[in-house]
């Protein structure tokens, strides 16, 4: 199994009047930049078997942009990606076949903690994601055993892979 972990793109700042934590959307610039980054992601990764996303608006928007770049699949919400319950996230991932790639879209510090857990470490602060960044972890023995980090890319590199870093 391969798990692709993505942090949501740049969103409206916390505490902005008119937006709750749950409803903060991507900024226009965050959306524009992640559309490019998603094309880079789609160049290096085949469409995942599943896209699981936090129910918070900014993560759902990020997952939808990635889904459009791949041409499929439609994102499914998973509450545990907002609450940070890593075991519930892993339970959802276990539902997919061993040869599947599953993409998850969430928030910091949960995405860093998830990568750390998958790599068998507690040093999640060393794995901090930039907004719109992504990591790919190979889980040869499934999510119950330490995996191998294939790559960990900031959004600027993903935009470079799309051939459009300066846009």
Foldseek 3Di string as FASTA:
>chain_A
DKEKEWEFFAWDDDPPPPAHQQETAHDPVRLVLLLLLLLLVVVVDADFPAEEEANRHRQQSSSVSNQVSNVDDRHDYDNCLEVLPLVSVQVVVVVDDLPTYYYYYHHPPSSLCNLCLQQVHRVSVVQDADHGWMWMWRDNPGSVDRTHTPDTGHSLVSSVSSVHNPD
